[in-house]
Each structure stands twice: as structure tokens, then as C-alpha cells.
Amino acid sequence: MFGLSFSELLLIAIPLIFLWISIKRDRDEEARQAAPPPVPETEAEDMTACAVCGVYRPAEFRDPCEREDCPFLKPG
């Protein structure tokens, strides 16, 4: 009475599978677009001001500038 042949089952299953895949793909795409981009992790660096000219330089950076009266270590 309600017997379905193999070809009838395929005619029902193929559109359902296609519909399921397309819905899943749309959800994945929406999730990718809705997710905020990752924030790069930046670390703060300690800075020191030059006593002569007031320019800020990294605390570990001890190379002298072009000025004659530069308080940073002069190469010997």
C-alpha cells in the first residue's frame, strides 16, 4: 500500500540532503562573518625621556643620538 521503490526514496532523499547542506553552509558563513576579528596582543614598552631634548626612547635602547650632549651612553 505505501511501498516506496528505491528510485522514489532517492527522489526524496537527494533534495533533502541538498537542502541540509546548503543550510549548514549558510550557518557556517554567518558565524564566520559575525565573529569579531582576533585582537593582536600588544605589550606596552617602558619609555624614558631624554633629559636634553625630551624625545622618548625605549628604556632598553641606549644608543646615543646625533646630539653632542646626548645623556645616553657614548660608544667608547
Protein backbone atom coordinates (compact mmCIF):
# COMPACT_ATOMS: atom_id res chain seq x y z
CA MET A 1 0.00 0.00 0.00
CA PHE A 2 2.70 2.53 0.99
CA GLY A 3 5.63 0.76 -0.58
CA LEU A 4 8.26 3.10 -1.98
CA SER A 5 10.75 1.94 -4.54
CA PHE A 6 14.45 2.73 -4.38
CA SER A 7 14.14 5.44 -7.06
CA GLU A 8 11.33 7.15 -5.16
CA LEU A 9 13.41 7.15 -1.98
CA LEU A 10 16.30 8.73 -3.92
CA LEU A 11 13.98 11.40 -5.33
CA ILE A 12 13.01 12.32 -1.78
CA ALA A 13 16.46 11.98 -0.18
CA ILE A 14 18.55 13.95 -2.70
CA PRO A 15 16.67 17.28 -2.33
CA LEU A 16 16.60 16.87 1.45
CA ILE A 17 20.36 16.29 1.58
CA PHE A 18 20.97 19.25 -0.74
CA LEU A 19 18.76 21.46 1.46
CA TRP A 20 20.52 20.33 4.65
CA ILE A 21 23.99 21.02 3.18
CA SER A 22 23.01 24.48 1.93
CA ILE A 23 21.51 25.47 5.30
CA LYS A 24 24.60 24.22 7.11
CA ARG A 25 26.89 26.15 4.75
CA ASP A 26 24.88 29.36 5.27
CA ARG A 27 25.08 28.99 9.07
CA ASP A 28 28.84 28.47 8.94
CA GLU A 29 29.28 31.52 6.73
CA GLU A 30 27.15 33.69 9.04
CA ALA A 31 29.13 32.51 12.06
CA ARG A 32 32.42 33.41 10.36
CA GLN A 33 31.15 36.88 9.46
CA ALA A 34 29.66 37.53 12.90
CA ALA A 35 32.81 36.58 14.81
CA PRO A 36 34.96 39.61 15.66
CA PRO A 37 38.47 39.57 14.26
CA PRO A 38 41.11 38.46 16.74
CA VAL A 39 42.75 41.30 18.62
CA PRO A 40 46.54 41.22 18.33
CA GLU A 41 48.25 41.04 21.66
CA THR A 42 50.49 44.07 22.05
CA GLU A 43 52.66 44.66 25.04
CA ALA A 44 53.39 48.09 26.45
CA GLU A 45 57.01 49.14 26.35
CA ASP A 46 58.71 51.23 29.02
CA MET A 47 59.89 54.56 27.67
CA THR A 48 62.30 57.11 29.08
CA ALA A 49 62.55 60.76 28.11
CA CYS A 50 65.86 62.27 27.07
CA ALA A 51 66.93 64.89 29.62
CA VAL A 52 68.34 67.12 26.88
CA CYS A 53 65.84 67.08 24.02
CA GLY A 54 62.78 65.38 25.63
CA VAL A 55 62.43 62.67 22.99
CA TYR A 56 61.01 59.43 24.36
CA ARG A 57 63.02 56.29 23.66
CA PRO A 58 62.62 52.66 24.76
CA ALA A 59 64.13 52.07 28.20
CA GLU A 60 66.46 49.35 26.90
CA PHE A 61 67.57 51.47 23.92
CA ARG A 62 70.85 53.05 24.99
CA ASP A 63 72.37 54.14 21.68
CA PRO A 64 73.26 57.83 21.60
CA CYS A 65 71.50 60.20 19.23
CA GLU A 66 73.19 62.71 16.92
CA ARG A 67 73.46 65.44 19.57
CA GLU A 68 76.80 66.16 21.22
CA ASP A 69 75.27 66.48 24.67
CA CYS A 70 73.28 63.22 24.49
CA PRO A 71 72.98 61.74 28.02
CA PHE A 72 72.82 58.17 26.71
CA LEU A 73 75.97 56.10 26.82
CA LYS A 74 78.51 57.05 24.20
CA PRO A 75 80.32 54.22 22.44
CA GLY A 76 83.86 54.05 23.72
